[in-house]
PDB file of N, CA and C in Angstrom:
ATOM      1  N   MET A   1      71.783 139.841 -29.215  1.00  0.00           N
ATOM      2  CA  MET A   1      71.650 141.180 -29.154  1.00  0.00           C
ATOM      3  C   MET A   1      72.808 141.972 -30.100  1.00  0.00           C
ATOM      4  N   THR A   2      72.586 142.649 -31.047  1.00  0.00           N
ATOM      5  CA  THR A   2      73.415 143.331 -31.815  1.00  0.00           C
ATOM      6  C   THR A   2      73.969 144.352 -31.093  1.00  0.00           C
ATOM      7  N   LEU A   3      75.145 145.066 -31.755  1.00  0.00           N
ATOM      8  CA  LEU A   3      75.716 146.320 -31.274  1.00  0.00           C
ATOM      9  C   LEU A   3      74.806 147.482 -31.630  1.00  0.00           C
ATOM     10  N   LYS A   4      74.137 147.348 -32.565  1.00  0.00           N
ATOM     11  CA  LYS A   4      72.974 148.342 -32.633  1.00  0.00           C
ATOM     12  C   LYS A   4      72.157 148.630 -31.808  1.00  0.00           C
ATOM     13  N   ASP A   5      71.605 147.201 -31.406  1.00  0.00           N
ATOM     14  CA  ASP A   5      70.620 147.263 -30.247  1.00  0.00           C
ATOM     15  C   ASP A   5      71.172 147.933 -28.956  1.00  0.00           C
ATOM     16  N   LEU A   6      72.478 147.453 -28.642  1.00  0.00           N
ATOM     17  CA  LEU A   6      72.966 147.942 -27.430  1.00  0.00           C
ATOM     18  C   LEU A   6      73.372 149.424 -27.602  1.00  0.00           C
ATOM     19  N   GLU A   7      73.732 150.003 -28.491  1.00  0.00           N
ATOM     20  CA  GLU A   7      73.735 151.240 -28.749  1.00  0.00           C
ATOM     21  C   GLU A   7      72.509 152.118 -28.433  1.00  0.00           C
ATOM     22  N   THR A   8      71.578 151.657 -28.978  1.00  0.00           N
ATOM     23  CA  THR A   8      69.994 152.167 -28.572  1.00  0.00           C
ATOM     24  C   THR A   8      69.979 152.253 -27.180  1.00  0.00           C
ATOM     25  N   GLN A   9      70.156 151.137 -26.625  1.00  0.00           N
ATOM     26  CA  GLN A   9      69.816 151.013 -25.144  1.00  0.00           C
ATOM     27  C   GLN A   9      70.666 151.902 -24.188  1.00  0.00           C
ATOM     28  N   LEU A  10      71.993 151.897 -24.683  1.00  0.00           N
ATOM     29  CA  LEU A  10      72.849 152.698 -24.028  1.00  0.00           C
ATOM     30  C   LEU A  10      72.641 154.276 -24.087  1.00  0.00           C
ATOM     31  N   LEU A  11      72.027 154.690 -25.295  1.00  0.00           N
ATOM     32  CA  LEU A  11      71.798 156.077 -25.357  1.00  0.00           C
ATOM     33  C   LEU A  11      70.677 156.608 -24.685  1.00  0.00           C
ATOM     34  N   ALA A  12      69.662 155.642 -24.362  1.00  0.00           N
ATOM     35  CA  ALA A  12      68.453 155.732 -23.534  1.00  0.00           C
ATOM     36  C   ALA A  12      68.850 156.060 -21.897  1.00  0.00           C
ATOM     37  N   LEU A  13      69.954 155.450 -21.505  1.00  0.00           N
ATOM     38  CA  LEU A  13      70.452 155.521 -20.226  1.00  0.00           C
ATOM     39  C   LEU A  13      70.399 157.016 -19.730  1.00  0.00           C
ATOM     40  N   SER A  14      70.305 157.157 -18.424  1.00  0.00           N
ATOM     41  CA  SER A  14      70.530 158.376 -17.799  1.00  0.00           C
ATOM     42  C   SER A  14      72.025 158.635 -17.715  1.00  0.00           C
ATOM     43  N   PRO A  15      72.565 159.959 -17.702  1.00  0.00           N
ATOM     44  CA  PRO A  15      74.058 160.150 -17.458  1.00  0.00           C
ATOM     45  C   PRO A  15      74.524 159.194 -16.378  1.00  0.00           C
ATOM     46  N   ASN A  16      74.027 159.046 -15.255  1.00  0.00           N
ATOM     47  CA  ASN A  16      74.434 158.240 -14.009  1.00  0.00           C
ATOM     48  C   ASN A  16      74.693 156.808 -14.396  1.00  0.00           C
ATOM     49  N   GLU A  17      73.485 156.244 -15.287  1.00  0.00           N
ATOM     50  CA  GLU A  17      73.485 155.037 -15.661  1.00  0.00           C
ATOM     51  C   GLU A  17      74.802 154.780 -16.810  1.00  0.00           C
ATOM     52  N   LYS A  18      74.994 155.935 -17.552  1.00  0.00           N
ATOM     53  CA  LYS A  18      75.999 155.713 -18.514  1.00  0.00           C
ATOM     54  C   LYS A  18      77.336 155.501 -18.088  1.00  0.00           C
ATOM     55  N   ALA A  19      77.555 156.439 -16.931  1.00  0.00           N
ATOM     56  CA  ALA A  19      78.634 156.285 -16.115  1.00  0.00           C
ATOM     57  C   ALA A  19      79.167 154.803 -15.519  1.00  0.00           C
ATOM     58  N   GLN A  20      78.030 154.389 -15.027  1.00  0.00           N
ATOM     59  CA  GLN A  20      78.088 153.023 -14.330  1.00  0.00           C
ATOM     60  C   GLN A  20      78.166 152.044 -15.205  1.00  0.00           C
ATOM     61  N   ALA A  21      77.759 152.182 -16.710  1.00  0.00           N
ATOM     62  CA  ALA A  21      78.064 151.205 -17.719  1.00  0.00           C
ATOM     63  C   ALA A  21      79.494 151.338 -18.054  1.00  0.00           C
ATOM     64  N   ILE A  22      80.084 152.500 -18.321  1.00  0.00           N
ATOM     65  CA  ILE A  22      81.392 152.579 -18.354  1.00  0.00           C
ATOM     66  C   ILE A  22      82.363 152.027 -17.500  1.00  0.00           C
ATOM     67  N   GLN A  23      81.942 152.077 -16.132  1.00  0.00           N
ATOM     68  CA  GLN A  23      83.038 151.487 -15.179  1.00  0.00           C
ATOM     69  C   GLN A  23      82.816 150.131 -15.191  1.00  0.00           C
ATOM     70  N   LEU A  24      81.727 149.425 -15.574  1.00  0.00           N
ATOM     71  CA  LEU A  24      81.499 148.276 -15.629  1.00  0.00           C
ATOM     72  C   LEU A  24      82.362 147.743 -16.895  1.00  0.00           C
ATOM     73  N   LEU A  25      82.370 148.404 -18.182  1.00  0.00           N
ATOM     74  CA  LEU A  25      83.137 147.854 -19.197  1.00  0.00           C
ATOM     75  C   LEU A  25      84.581 148.100 -18.885  1.00  0.00           C
ATOM     76  N   VAL A  26      85.091 148.986 -18.416  1.00  0.00           N
ATOM     77  CA  VAL A  26      86.238 149.203 -17.716  1.00  0.00           C
ATOM     78  C   VAL A  26      86.952 148.038 -17.034  1.00  0.00           C
ATOM     79  N   ARG A  27      86.211 147.677 -15.942  1.00  0.00           N
ATOM     80  CA  ARG A  27      86.568 146.642 -14.984  1.00  0.00           C
ATOM     81  C   ARG A  27      86.530 145.345 -15.917  1.00  0.00           C
ATOM     82  N   SER A  28      85.633 145.161 -16.730  1.00  0.00           N
ATOM     83  CA  SER A  28      85.551 144.072 -17.412  1.00  0.00           C
ATOM     84  C   SER A  28      86.778 143.694 -18.517  1.00  0.00           C
ATOM     85  N   LEU A  29      87.167 144.779 -19.056  1.00  0.00           N
ATOM     86  CA  LEU A  29      88.491 144.785 -20.018  1.00  0.00           C
ATOM     87  C   LEU A  29      89.491 144.660 -19.010  1.00  0.00           C
ATOM     88  N   SER A  30      89.514 145.318 -17.908  1.00  0.00           N
ATOM     89  CA  SER A  30      91.061 145.191 -17.243  1.00  0.00           C
ATOM     90  C   SER A  30      91.024 143.930 -16.226  1.00  0.00           C
ATOM     91  N   ASN A  31      89.662 143.387 -16.048  1.00  0.00           N
ATOM     92  CA  ASN A  31      89.599 142.245 -15.266  1.00  0.00           C
ATOM     93  C   ASN A  31      89.846 142.408 -13.683  1.00  0.00           C
ATOM     94  N   VAL A  32      89.767 143.786 -13.387  1.00  0.00           N
ATOM     95  CA  VAL A  32      89.899 144.119 -11.880  1.00  0.00           C
ATOM     96  C   VAL A  32      88.698 144.540 -11.340  1.00  0.00           C
ATOM     97  N   TRP A  33      87.876 143.811 -10.413  1.00  0.00           N
ATOM     98  CA  TRP A  33      87.060 144.095  -9.944  1.00  0.00           C
ATOM     99  C   TRP A  33      87.157 144.380  -8.435  1.00  0.00           C
ATOM    100  N   VAL A  34      86.928 145.636  -8.034  1.00  0.00           N
ATOM    101  CA  VAL A  34      86.571 146.117  -6.700  1.00  0.00           C
ATOM    102  C   VAL A  34      86.004 145.242  -5.769  1.00  0.00           C
ATOM    103  N   GLY A  35      86.581 144.778  -4.722  1.00  0.00           N
ATOM    104  CA  GLY A  35      86.016 143.974  -3.685  1.00  0.00           C
ATOM    105  C   GLY A  35      85.737 142.649  -4.323  1.00  0.00           C
ATOM    106  N   ILE A  36      86.149 142.103  -5.127  1.00  0.00           N
ATOM    107  CA  ILE A  36      86.040 140.965  -5.696  1.00  0.00           C
ATOM    108  C   ILE A  36      87.371 140.153  -5.886  1.00  0.00           C
ATOM    109  N   GLU A  37      87.659 139.158  -5.390  1.00  0.00           N
ATOM    110  CA  GLU A  37      88.868 138.237  -5.241  1.00  0.00           C
ATOM    111  C   GLU A  37      88.669 136.773  -5.922  1.00  0.00           C
ATOM    112  N   LYS A  38      89.814 136.295  -6.534  1.00  0.00           N
ATOM    113  CA  LYS A  38      89.732 134.869  -7.127  1.00  0.00           C
ATOM    114  C   LYS A  38      91.326 134.579  -6.465  1.00  0.00           C
ATOM    115  N   THR A  39      91.079 133.342  -5.665  1.00  0.00           N
ATOM    116  CA  THR A  39      92.487 132.864  -5.270  1.00  0.00           C
ATOM    117  C   THR A  39      92.441 131.465  -5.433  1.00  0.00           C
ATOM    118  N   LEU A  40      93.598 130.830  -5.876  1.00  0.00           N
ATOM    119  CA  LEU A  40      93.629 129.508  -6.199  1.00  0.00           C
ATOM    120  C   LEU A  40      93.500 128.688  -4.968  1.00  0.00           C
ATOM    121  N   GLY A  41      92.642 127.778  -4.738  1.00  0.00           N
ATOM    122  CA  GLY A  41      92.610 127.236  -3.357  1.00  0.00           C
ATOM    123  C   GLY A  41      91.779 127.707  -2.428  1.00  0.00           C
ATOM    124  N   VAL A  42      91.227 128.719  -2.630  1.00  0.00           N
ATOM    125  CA  VAL A  42      90.388 129.442  -1.792  1.00  0.00           C
ATOM    126  C   VAL A  42      88.617 129.489  -2.497  1.00  0.00           C
ATOM    127  N   CYS A  43      87.793 128.721  -1.921  1.00  0.00           N
ATOM    128  CA  CYS A  43      86.500 128.688  -2.283  1.00  0.00           C
ATOM    129  C   CYS A  43      86.548 128.082  -3.979  1.00  0.00           C
ATOM    130  N   GLY A  44      87.414 127.054  -3.900  1.00  0.00           N
ATOM    131  CA  GLY A  44      87.858 126.670  -5.247  1.00  0.00           C
ATOM    132  C   GLY A  44      88.356 127.388  -6.650  1.00  0.00           C
ATOM    133  N   GLY A  45      88.718 128.468  -6.042  1.00  0.00           N
ATOM    134  CA  GLY A  45      89.408 129.429  -6.887  1.00  0.00           C
ATOM    135  C   GLY A  45      88.238 130.363  -7.724  1.00  0.00           C
ATOM    136  N   ASP A  46      86.920 130.209  -7.243  1.00  0.00           N
ATOM    137  CA  ASP A  46      85.605 130.951  -7.654  1.00  0.00           C
ATOM    138  C   ASP A  46      85.731 132.482  -7.148  1.00  0.00           C
ATOM    139  N   ALA A  47      85.253 133.458  -7.846  1.00  0.00           N
ATOM    140  CA  ALA A  47      85.194 134.616  -7.610  1.00  0.00           C
ATOM    141  C   ALA A  47      84.343 134.914  -6.245  1.00  0.00           C
ATOM    142  N   ARG A  48      84.920 135.626  -5.410  1.00  0.00           N
ATOM    143  CA  ARG A  48      84.120 135.651  -3.832  1.00  0.00           C
ATOM    144  C   ARG A  48      84.459 137.253  -3.548  1.00  0.00           C
ATOM    145  N   ILE A  49      83.677 137.414  -2.410  1.00  0.00           N
ATOM    146  CA  ILE A  49      83.621 138.998  -1.874  1.00  0.00           C
ATOM    147  C   ILE A  49      84.979 138.881  -1.370  1.00  0.00           C
ATOM    148  N   ALA A  50      85.958 139.867  -1.578  1.00  0.00           N
ATOM    149  CA  ALA A  50      87.123 139.969  -0.957  1.00  0.00           C
ATOM    150  C   ALA A  50      87.323 139.792   0.472  1.00  0.00           C
ATOM    151  N   ASN A  51      88.026 139.030   1.086  1.00  0.00           N
ATOM    152  CA  ASN A  51      88.423 138.809   2.501  1.00  0.00           C
ATOM    153  C   ASN A  51      87.384 137.764   3.139  1.00  0.00           C
ATOM    154  N   THR A  52      86.627 137.304   2.285  1.00  0.00           N
ATOM    155  CA  THR A  52      85.720 136.507   2.844  1.00  0.00           C
ATOM    156  C   THR A  52      85.874 135.249   2.028  1.00  0.00           C
ATOM    157  N   ARG A  53      85.036 133.987   2.256  1.00  0.00           N
ATOM    158  CA  ARG A  53      84.993 132.698   1.882  1.00  0.00           C
ATOM    159  C   ARG A  53      83.516 132.698   1.288  1.00  0.00           C
ATOM    160  N   ILE A  54      82.831 133.779   0.496  1.00  0.00           N
ATOM    161  CA  ILE A  54      81.614 133.866   0.221  1.00  0.00           C
ATOM    162  C   ILE A  54      81.658 134.152  -1.281  1.00  0.00           C
ATOM    163  N   PRO A  55      81.459 133.052  -1.961  1.00  0.00           N
ATOM    164  CA  PRO A  55      81.359 132.859  -3.378  1.00  0.00           C
ATOM    165  C   PRO A  55      80.274 133.930  -4.051  1.00  0.00           C
ATOM    166  N   ILE A  56      80.558 134.537  -5.075  1.00  0.00           N
ATOM    167  CA  ILE A  56      79.712 135.246  -6.038  1.00  0.00           C
ATOM    168  C   ILE A  56      78.404 134.357  -6.361  1.00  0.00           C
ATOM    169  N   TRP A  57      78.888 133.260  -6.817  1.00  0.00           N
ATOM    170  CA  TRP A  57      77.847 132.117  -7.490  1.00  0.00           C
ATOM    171  C   TRP A  57      76.794 131.887  -6.412  1.00  0.00           C
ATOM    172  N   SER A  58      77.343 131.806  -5.088  1.00  0.00           N
ATOM    173  CA  SER A  58      76.419 131.373  -4.038  1.00  0.00           C
ATOM    174  C   SER A  58      75.469 132.637  -4.045  1.00  0.00           C
ATOM    175  N   LEU A  59      75.805 133.716  -3.605  1.00  0.00           N
ATOM    176  CA  LEU A  59      74.976 134.809  -3.225  1.00  0.00           C
ATOM    177  C   LEU A  59      74.017 135.095  -4.735  1.00  0.00           C
ATOM    178  N   SER A  60      74.630 134.728  -5.788  1.00  0.00           N
ATOM    179  CA  SER A  60      73.679 134.932  -6.921  1.00  0.00           C
ATOM    180  C   SER A  60      72.614 133.730  -6.929  1.00  0.00           C
ATOM    181  N   ASN A  61      72.799 132.703  -6.685  1.00  0.00           N
ATOM    182  CA  ASN A  61      71.968 131.696  -6.433  1.00  0.00           C
ATOM    183  C   ASN A  61      70.936 131.951  -5.536  1.00  0.00           C
ATOM    184  N   TYR A  62      71.432 132.344  -4.174  1.00  0.00           N
ATOM    185  CA  TYR A  62      70.413 132.829  -2.987  1.00  0.00           C
ATOM    186  C   TYR A  62      69.505 133.744  -3.569  1.00  0.00           C
ATOM    187  N   ARG A  63      70.137 134.905  -4.251  1.00  0.00           N
ATOM    188  CA  ARG A  63      69.336 135.592  -5.084  1.00  0.00           C
ATOM    189  C   ARG A  63      68.243 135.245  -5.974  1.00  0.00           C
ATOM    190  N   ARG A  64      68.583 134.256  -6.648  1.00  0.00           N
ATOM    191  CA  ARG A  64      67.748 133.676  -7.613  1.00  0.00           C
ATOM    192  C   ARG A  64      66.673 132.854  -7.087  1.00  0.00           C
ATOM    193  N   LEU A  65      67.011 132.358  -5.930  1.00  0.00           N
ATOM    194  CA  LEU A  65      65.814 131.596  -5.070  1.00  0.00           C
ATOM    195  C   LEU A  65      64.838 132.474  -4.163  1.00  0.00           C
ATOM    196  N   GLY A  66      65.001 134.102  -4.408  1.00  0.00           N
ATOM    197  CA  GLY A  66      63.970 134.827  -4.017  1.00  0.00           C
ATOM    198  C   GLY A  66      64.605 135.647  -2.970  1.00  0.00           C
ATOM    199  N   ALA A  67      65.780 135.509  -2.379  1.00  0.00           N
ATOM    200  CA  ALA A  67      66.231 136.435  -1.269  1.00  0.00           C
ATOM    201  C   ALA A  67      66.606 137.863  -1.661  1.00  0.00           C
ATOM    202  N   SER A  68      66.114 138.774  -0.972  1.00  0.00           N
ATOM    203  CA  SER A  68      66.184 140.222  -1.318  1.00  0.00           C
ATOM    204  C   SER A  68      67.745 140.764  -0.799  1.00  0.00           C
ATOM    205  N   ASP A  69      68.040 141.681  -1.497  1.00  0.00           N
ATOM    206  CA  ASP A  69      69.388 142.179  -0.908  1.00  0.00           C
ATOM    207  C   ASP A  69      69.178 142.621   0.488  1.00  0.00           C
ATOM    208  N   ALA A  70      68.176 142.925   1.136  1.00  0.00           N
ATOM    209  CA  ALA A  70      68.027 143.171   2.606  1.00  0.00           C
ATOM    210  C   ALA A  70      68.187 141.666   3.161  1.00  0.00           C
ATOM    211  N   ARG A  71      67.517 140.773   2.707  1.00  0.00           N
ATOM    212  CA  ARG A  71      67.583 139.511   3.631  1.00  0.00           C
ATOM    213  C   ARG A  71      69.263 138.921   3.415  1.00  0.00           C
ATOM    214  N   ILE A  72      69.570 139.142   2.343  1.00  0.00           N
ATOM    215  CA  ILE A  72      71.187 138.514   2.134  1.00  0.00           C
ATOM    216  C   ILE A  72      72.102 139.342   3.097  1.00  0.00           C
ATOM    217  N   LEU A  73      71.944 140.651   3.247  1.00  0.00           N
ATOM    218  CA  LEU A  73      72.594 141.489   4.283  1.00  0.00           C
ATOM    219  C   LEU A  73      72.254 141.111   5.978  1.00  0.00           C
ATOM    220  N   GLN A  74      70.936 140.646   5.771  1.00  0.00           N
ATOM    221  CA  GLN A  74      70.650 140.200   7.011  1.00  0.00           C
ATOM    222  C   GLN A  74      71.524 138.984   7.431  1.00  0.00           C
ATOM    223  N   ASP A  75      71.584 137.895   6.497  1.00  0.00           N
ATOM    224  CA  ASP A  75      71.974 136.690   6.815  1.00  0.00           C
ATOM    225  C   ASP A  75      73.424 136.612   6.961  1.00  0.00           C
ATOM    226  N   PHE A  76      74.233 137.511   6.209  1.00  0.00           N
ATOM    227  CA  PHE A  76      75.379 137.775   6.053  1.00  0.00           C
ATOM    228  C   PHE A  76      75.838 139.144   6.663  1.00  0.00           C
ATOM    229  N   SER A  77      75.684 139.327   8.150  1.00  0.00           N
ATOM    230  CA  SER A  77      75.831 140.447   8.848  1.00  0.00           C
ATOM    231  C   SER A  77      77.033 141.276   8.444  1.00  0.00           C
ATOM    232  N   HIS A  78      78.055 140.510   8.175  1.00  0.00           N
ATOM    233  CA  HIS A  78      79.447 141.201   7.794  1.00  0.00           C
ATOM    234  C   HIS A  78      79.478 141.816   6.659  1.00  0.00           C
ATOM    235  N   LEU A  79      78.465 141.367   5.703  1.00  0.00           N
ATOM    236  CA  LEU A  79      78.650 142.104   4.333  1.00  0.00           C
ATOM    237  C   LEU A  79      77.978 143.643   4.393  1.00  0.00           C
ATOM    238  N   LYS A  80      78.433 144.435   3.343  1.00  0.00           N
ATOM    239  CA  LYS A  80      77.900 145.669   3.293  1.00  0.00           C
ATOM    240  C   LYS A  80      77.131 145.621   2.161  1.00  0.00           C
ATOM    241  N   ALA A  81      76.288 146.694   1.809  1.00  0.00           N
ATOM    242  CA  ALA A  81      75.449 146.896   0.687  1.00  0.00           C
ATOM    243  C   ALA A  81      76.634 146.990  -0.595  1.00  0.00           C
ATOM    244  N   GLU A  82      77.707 147.694  -0.326  1.00  0.00           N
ATOM    245  CA  GLU A  82      78.761 147.881  -1.402  1.00  0.00           C
ATOM    246  C   GLU A  82      79.295 146.499  -1.726  1.00  0.00           C
ATOM    247  N   ASP A  83      79.242 145.439  -1.082  1.00  0.00           N
ATOM    248  CA  ASP A  83      79.560 144.098  -1.241  1.00  0.00           C
ATOM    249  C   ASP A  83      78.698 143.580  -2.386  1.00  0.00           C
ATOM    250  N   LEU A  84      77.344 143.645  -2.167  1.00  0.00           N
ATOM    251  CA  LEU A  84      76.509 143.035  -3.093  1.00  0.00           C
ATOM    252  C   LEU A  84      76.359 143.880  -4.305  1.00  0.00           C
ATOM    253  N   VAL A  85      76.560 145.173  -4.272  1.00  0.00           N
ATOM    254  CA  VAL A  85      76.757 145.922  -5.768  1.00  0.00           C
ATOM    255  C   VAL A  85      77.815 145.464  -6.545  1.00  0.00           C
ATOM    256  N   ASN A  86      78.976 145.152  -5.794  1.00  0.00           N
ATOM    257  CA  ASN A  86      80.300 144.704  -6.579  1.00  0.00           C
ATOM    258  C   ASN A  86      79.862 143.160  -7.005  1.00  0.00           C
ATOM    259  N   ALA A  87      79.324 142.369  -6.363  1.00  0.00           N
ATOM    260  CA  ALA A  87      78.837 141.031  -6.464  1.00  0.00           C
ATOM    261  C   ALA A  87      78.035 141.121  -7.854  1.00  0.00           C
ATOM    262  N   TRP A  88      76.888 141.866  -7.784  1.00  0.00           N
ATOM    263  CA  TRP A  88      76.008 141.727  -8.682  1.00  0.00           C
ATOM    264  C   TRP A  88      76.559 142.194  -9.989  1.00  0.00           C
ATOM    265  N   ALA A  89      77.418 143.342  -9.840  1.00  0.00           N
ATOM    266  CA  ALA A  89      78.193 143.589 -11.219  1.00  0.00           C
ATOM    267  C   ALA A  89      79.123 142.729 -11.797  1.00  0.00           C
ATOM    268  N   TYR A  90      79.723 142.030 -10.860  1.00  0.00           N
ATOM    269  CA  TYR A  90      80.651 140.815 -11.395  1.00  0.00           C
ATOM    270  C   TYR A  90      79.758 139.953 -12.048  1.00  0.00           C
ATOM    271  N   ALA A  91      78.757 139.382 -11.361  1.00  0.00           N
ATOM    272  CA  ALA A  91      77.875 138.360 -11.783  1.00  0.00           C
ATOM    273  C   ALA A  91      77.220 138.698 -13.093  1.00  0.00           C
ATOM    274  N   ASP A  92      76.649 139.960 -13.322  1.00  0.00           N
ATOM    275  CA  ASP A  92      76.164 140.421 -14.839  1.00  0.00           C
ATOM    276  C   ASP A  92      77.294 140.213 -15.921  1.00  0.00           C
ATOM    277  N   ALA A  93      78.519 140.790 -15.425  1.00  0.00           N
ATOM    278  CA  ALA A  93      79.513 140.614 -16.546  1.00  0.00           C
ATOM    279  C   ALA A  93      80.083 139.404 -16.891  1.00  0.00           C
ATOM    280  N   HIS A  94      79.713 138.319 -15.984  1.00  0.00           N
ATOM    281  CA  HIS A  94      80.385 136.942 -16.150  1.00  0.00           C
ATOM    282  C   HIS A  94      79.237 135.745 -15.775  1.00  0.00           C
ATOM    283  N   PRO A  95      78.015 136.004 -16.624  1.00  0.00           N
ATOM    284  CA  PRO A  95      77.162 135.119 -16.305  1.00  0.00           C
ATOM    285  C   PRO A  95      77.377 133.536 -16.398  1.00  0.00           C
ATOM    286  N   GLU A  96      78.081 133.592 -17.703  1.00  0.00           N
ATOM    287  CA  GLU A  96      78.497 131.937 -17.904  1.00  0.00           C
ATOM    288  C   GLU A  96      79.480 131.368 -16.921  1.00  0.00           C
ATOM    289  N   GLU A  97      80.160 132.111 -16.206  1.00  0.00           N
ATOM    290  CA  GLU A  97      81.112 131.851 -15.001  1.00  0.00           C
ATOM    291  C   GLU A  97      80.119 131.195 -14.058  1.00  0.00           C
ATOM    292  N   ILE A  98      79.288 132.370 -13.625  1.00  0.00           N
ATOM    293  CA  ILE A  98      78.383 132.044 -12.419  1.00  0.00           C
ATOM    294  C   ILE A  98      77.529 130.834 -12.749  1.00  0.00           C
ATOM    295  N   GLU A  99      76.813 130.791 -13.857  1.00  0.00           N
ATOM    296  CA  GLU A  99      75.896 129.633 -14.024  1.00  0.00           C
ATOM    297  C   GLU A  99      76.848 128.259 -14.050  1.00  0.00           C
ATOM    298  N   GLU A 100      77.878 128.280 -14.461  1.00  0.00           N
ATOM    299  CA  GLU A 100      78.931 127.038 -14.457  1.00  0.00           C
ATOM    300  C   GLU A 100      79.268 126.670 -12.897  1.00  0.00           C
ATOM    301  N   ALA A 101      79.420 127.630 -12.131  1.00  0.00           N
ATOM    302  CA  ALA A 101      79.738 127.514 -10.631  1.00  0.00           C
ATOM    303  C   ALA A 101      78.602 126.809 -10.054  1.00  0.00           C
ATOM    304  N   ILE A 102      77.318 127.405 -10.312  1.00  0.00           N
ATOM    305  CA  ILE A 102      76.137 127.185  -9.699  1.00  0.00           C
ATOM    306  C   ILE A 102      75.804 125.545  -9.931  1.00  0.00           C
ATOM    307  N   ARG A 103      76.146 125.128 -11.382  1.00  0.00           N
ATOM    308  CA  ARG A 103      75.824 123.733 -11.838  1.00  0.00           C
ATOM    309  C   ARG A 103      76.854 122.855 -11.071  1.00  0.00           C
ATOM    310  N   ARG A 104      77.904 123.180 -11.021  1.00  0.00           N
ATOM    311  CA  ARG A 104      78.935 122.556 -10.561  1.00  0.00           C
ATOM    312  C   ARG A 104      79.025 122.360  -8.997  1.00  0.00           C
ATOM    313  N   ASN A 105      78.366 123.175  -8.264  1.00  0.00           N
ATOM    314  CA  ASN A 105      78.034 123.207  -6.893  1.00  0.00           C
ATOM    315  C   ASN A 105      76.829 122.323  -6.635  1.00  0.00           C
ATOM    316  N   GLU A 106      75.733 122.281  -7.331  1.00  0.00           N
ATOM    317  CA  GLU A 106      74.440 121.845  -7.214  1.00  0.00           C
ATOM    318  C   GLU A 106      74.774 120.275  -7.132  1.00  0.00           C
ATOM    319  N   GLU A 107      75.689 119.733  -8.097  1.00  0.00           N
ATOM    320  CA  GLU A 107      75.943 118.620  -8.385  1.00  0.00           C
ATOM    321  C   GLU A 107      76.862 117.764  -7.118  1.00  0.00           C
ATOM    322  N   ASN A 108      77.260 118.482  -6.387  1.00  0.00           N
ATOM    323  CA  ASN A 108      78.027 118.101  -5.043  1.00  0.00           C
ATOM    324  C   ASN A 108      77.146 117.776  -3.958  1.00  0.00           C
TER     325      ASN A 108
END
């Protein structure tokens, strides 16, 4: 995708979607993700839902296998919808990291 393609897509967004895109870019640039933690020695240092041992790659893989957000919230009853919003934003911003973590953990 070129910057020109991205510009066209960004201009087509609603004001609310544009605000969300700006927030995503700011988080990406500052490397601060609300509700997401990375701690050496916890979950292999992978990004995870804050204050849990639930890695983002695991949730992303579960979703990829067909689990809806409702199903994920049902299966992980201590998670909130906000946790999934944060997880999906992180996964969308770091697709290579998530894919690598999924590959690495499927090998084990």
